[in-house]
Amino acid sequence: MNPAQPQRTVLEQSPAGGPRGSWSAEEYAAAQRAQGRPDARVVMGPGSNQFLVVTETTTQ
């Protein structure tokens, strides 16, 4: 593993072409932050048409 690249964990996926756009992913990320994962955020999946909710920490 490259120390310059943090390990990301995908918590949730939402289709980018959905009727609500990224809002379902944003809502999920906000819920994760409220539950103690302050680094949960939404990114666009590389090479995909999906929004990903990711965290830089490992989930258990």
N, C-alpha and C. Protein backbone atom coordinates (compact mmCIF):
# COMPACT_ATOMS: atom_id res chain seq x y z
N MET A 1 0.85 -1.18 0.00
CA MET A 1 0.00 0.00 0.00
C MET A 1 0.89 1.24 0.00
N ASN A 2 0.55 2.22 -0.77
CA ASN A 2 1.28 3.46 -0.86
C ASN A 2 0.89 4.37 0.31
N PRO A 3 1.83 4.80 1.16
CA PRO A 3 1.48 5.63 2.31
C PRO A 3 0.90 6.98 1.92
N ALA A 4 1.17 7.46 0.71
CA ALA A 4 0.62 8.74 0.25
C ALA A 4 -0.85 8.62 -0.12
N GLN A 5 -1.34 7.41 -0.36
CA GLN A 5 -2.72 7.17 -0.74
C GLN A 5 -3.48 6.51 0.41
N PRO A 6 -4.36 7.23 1.10
CA PRO A 6 -5.11 6.59 2.18
C PRO A 6 -6.04 5.51 1.65
N GLN A 7 -6.30 4.53 2.46
CA GLN A 7 -7.23 3.45 2.09
C GLN A 7 -8.66 3.95 2.25
N ARG A 8 -9.45 3.83 1.20
CA ARG A 8 -10.85 4.25 1.26
C ARG A 8 -11.75 3.04 1.38
N THR A 9 -12.83 3.21 2.10
CA THR A 9 -13.85 2.18 2.22
C THR A 9 -15.14 2.74 1.63
N VAL A 10 -15.75 2.02 0.70
CA VAL A 10 -17.03 2.43 0.12
C VAL A 10 -18.14 1.94 1.04
N LEU A 11 -18.95 2.88 1.53
CA LEU A 11 -20.04 2.56 2.44
C LEU A 11 -21.37 2.36 1.72
N GLU A 12 -21.56 3.05 0.59
CA GLU A 12 -22.84 3.03 -0.11
C GLU A 12 -22.61 3.47 -1.55
N GLN A 13 -23.47 3.02 -2.45
CA GLN A 13 -23.43 3.43 -3.85
C GLN A 13 -24.83 3.88 -4.27
N SER A 14 -24.89 4.94 -5.07
CA SER A 14 -26.15 5.42 -5.61
C SER A 14 -25.97 5.71 -7.09
N PRO A 15 -26.92 5.32 -7.92
CA PRO A 15 -26.79 5.61 -9.35
C PRO A 15 -26.85 7.12 -9.61
N ALA A 16 -25.96 7.61 -10.44
CA ALA A 16 -25.93 9.03 -10.76
C ALA A 16 -27.11 9.44 -11.62
N GLY A 17 -27.69 8.51 -12.35
CA GLY A 17 -28.81 8.84 -13.22
C GLY A 17 -30.16 8.72 -12.55
N GLY A 18 -30.17 8.54 -11.24
CA GLY A 18 -31.43 8.39 -10.52
C GLY A 18 -32.22 9.68 -10.49
N PRO A 19 -33.50 9.60 -10.18
CA PRO A 19 -34.35 10.78 -10.19
C PRO A 19 -33.97 11.82 -9.14
N ARG A 20 -33.26 11.41 -8.10
CA ARG A 20 -32.89 12.36 -7.05
C ARG A 20 -31.42 12.76 -7.14
N GLY A 21 -30.72 12.36 -8.18
CA GLY A 21 -29.32 12.74 -8.33
C GLY A 21 -28.48 12.25 -7.17
N SER A 22 -27.63 13.12 -6.64
CA SER A 22 -26.72 12.72 -5.56
C SER A 22 -27.36 12.85 -4.18
N TRP A 23 -28.60 13.31 -4.09
CA TRP A 23 -29.18 13.58 -2.77
C TRP A 23 -29.24 12.36 -1.88
N SER A 24 -29.57 11.19 -2.40
CA SER A 24 -29.62 10.01 -1.53
C SER A 24 -28.23 9.69 -0.99
N ALA A 25 -27.21 9.86 -1.79
CA ALA A 25 -25.84 9.64 -1.32
C ALA A 25 -25.46 10.70 -0.29
N GLU A 26 -25.82 11.95 -0.54
CA GLU A 26 -25.53 13.03 0.41
C GLU A 26 -26.23 12.80 1.74
N GLU A 27 -27.48 12.34 1.69
CA GLU A 27 -28.22 12.05 2.92
C GLU A 27 -27.57 10.91 3.69
N TYR A 28 -27.12 9.88 2.99
CA TYR A 28 -26.47 8.75 3.64
C TYR A 28 -25.15 9.20 4.28
N ALA A 29 -24.38 10.01 3.56
CA ALA A 29 -23.12 10.51 4.10
C ALA A 29 -23.37 11.36 5.35
N ALA A 30 -24.40 12.19 5.31
CA ALA A 30 -24.72 13.02 6.47
C ALA A 30 -25.11 12.15 7.67
N ALA A 31 -25.86 11.09 7.42
CA ALA A 31 -26.24 10.18 8.50
C ALA A 31 -25.01 9.49 9.09
N GLN A 32 -24.07 9.11 8.22
CA GLN A 32 -22.84 8.48 8.70
C GLN A 32 -22.02 9.45 9.55
N ARG A 33 -21.96 10.71 9.13
CA ARG A 33 -21.24 11.71 9.92
C ARG A 33 -21.90 11.90 11.28
N ALA A 34 -23.22 11.89 11.30
CA ALA A 34 -23.95 12.04 12.57
C ALA A 34 -23.72 10.85 13.50
N GLN A 35 -23.39 9.69 12.92
CA GLN A 35 -23.16 8.48 13.71
C GLN A 35 -21.69 8.27 14.05
N GLY A 36 -20.84 9.28 13.82
CA GLY A 36 -19.47 9.18 14.26
C GLY A 36 -18.42 8.93 13.21
N ARG A 37 -18.78 9.05 11.94
CA ARG A 37 -17.78 8.92 10.86
C ARG A 37 -17.62 10.30 10.21
N PRO A 38 -16.83 11.18 10.82
CA PRO A 38 -16.76 12.56 10.34
C PRO A 38 -16.18 12.72 8.95
N ASP A 39 -15.49 11.71 8.44
CA ASP A 39 -14.87 11.83 7.12
C ASP A 39 -15.71 11.21 6.00
N ALA A 40 -16.94 10.79 6.28
CA ALA A 40 -17.80 10.23 5.23
C ALA A 40 -18.14 11.34 4.23
N ARG A 41 -17.92 11.03 2.94
CA ARG A 41 -18.20 12.03 1.91
C ARG A 41 -18.61 11.34 0.61
N VAL A 42 -19.13 12.13 -0.30
CA VAL A 42 -19.62 11.61 -1.57
C VAL A 42 -18.61 11.95 -2.67
N VAL A 43 -18.29 10.94 -3.47
CA VAL A 43 -17.41 11.13 -4.63
C VAL A 43 -18.06 10.43 -5.81
N MET A 44 -17.65 10.82 -7.00
CA MET A 44 -18.12 10.14 -8.21
C MET A 44 -17.22 8.94 -8.44
N GLY A 45 -17.82 7.79 -8.66
CA GLY A 45 -17.04 6.57 -8.89
C GLY A 45 -16.24 6.67 -10.17
N PRO A 46 -14.96 6.30 -10.12
CA PRO A 46 -14.14 6.37 -11.32
C PRO A 46 -14.62 5.37 -12.37
N GLY A 47 -14.85 5.84 -13.55
CA GLY A 47 -15.27 4.97 -14.64
C GLY A 47 -16.68 4.41 -14.47
N SER A 48 -17.48 5.03 -13.61
CA SER A 48 -18.83 4.52 -13.40
C SER A 48 -19.82 5.68 -13.38
N ASN A 49 -21.06 5.35 -13.41
CA ASN A 49 -22.12 6.34 -13.33
C ASN A 49 -22.76 6.22 -11.95
N GLN A 50 -21.91 6.26 -10.92
CA GLN A 50 -22.38 6.08 -9.55
C GLN A 50 -21.76 7.10 -8.62
N PHE A 51 -22.55 7.53 -7.64
CA PHE A 51 -22.02 8.31 -6.53
C PHE A 51 -21.65 7.31 -5.45
N LEU A 52 -20.48 7.47 -4.86
CA LEU A 52 -20.02 6.59 -3.80
C LEU A 52 -19.90 7.38 -2.51
N VAL A 53 -20.36 6.79 -1.42
CA VAL A 53 -20.12 7.37 -0.09
C VAL A 53 -18.89 6.63 0.44
N VAL A 54 -17.82 7.39 0.68
CA VAL A 54 -16.57 6.78 1.11
C VAL A 54 -16.11 7.37 2.43
N THR A 55 -15.25 6.61 3.10
CA THR A 55 -14.58 7.06 4.31
C THR A 55 -13.12 6.69 4.19
N GLU A 56 -12.26 7.45 4.81
CA GLU A 56 -10.82 7.18 4.76
C GLU A 56 -10.41 6.16 5.82
N THR A 57 -11.33 5.78 6.67
CA THR A 57 -11.02 4.83 7.74
C THR A 57 -11.63 3.47 7.43
N THR A 58 -11.07 2.45 8.00
CA THR A 58 -11.56 1.10 7.80
C THR A 58 -12.78 0.86 8.69
N THR A 59 -13.83 0.29 8.12
CA THR A 59 -15.00 -0.07 8.91
C THR A 59 -14.85 -1.46 9.46
N GLN A 60 -15.56 -1.73 10.55
CA GLN A 60 -15.47 -3.05 11.17
C GLN A 60 -16.81 -3.73 11.22
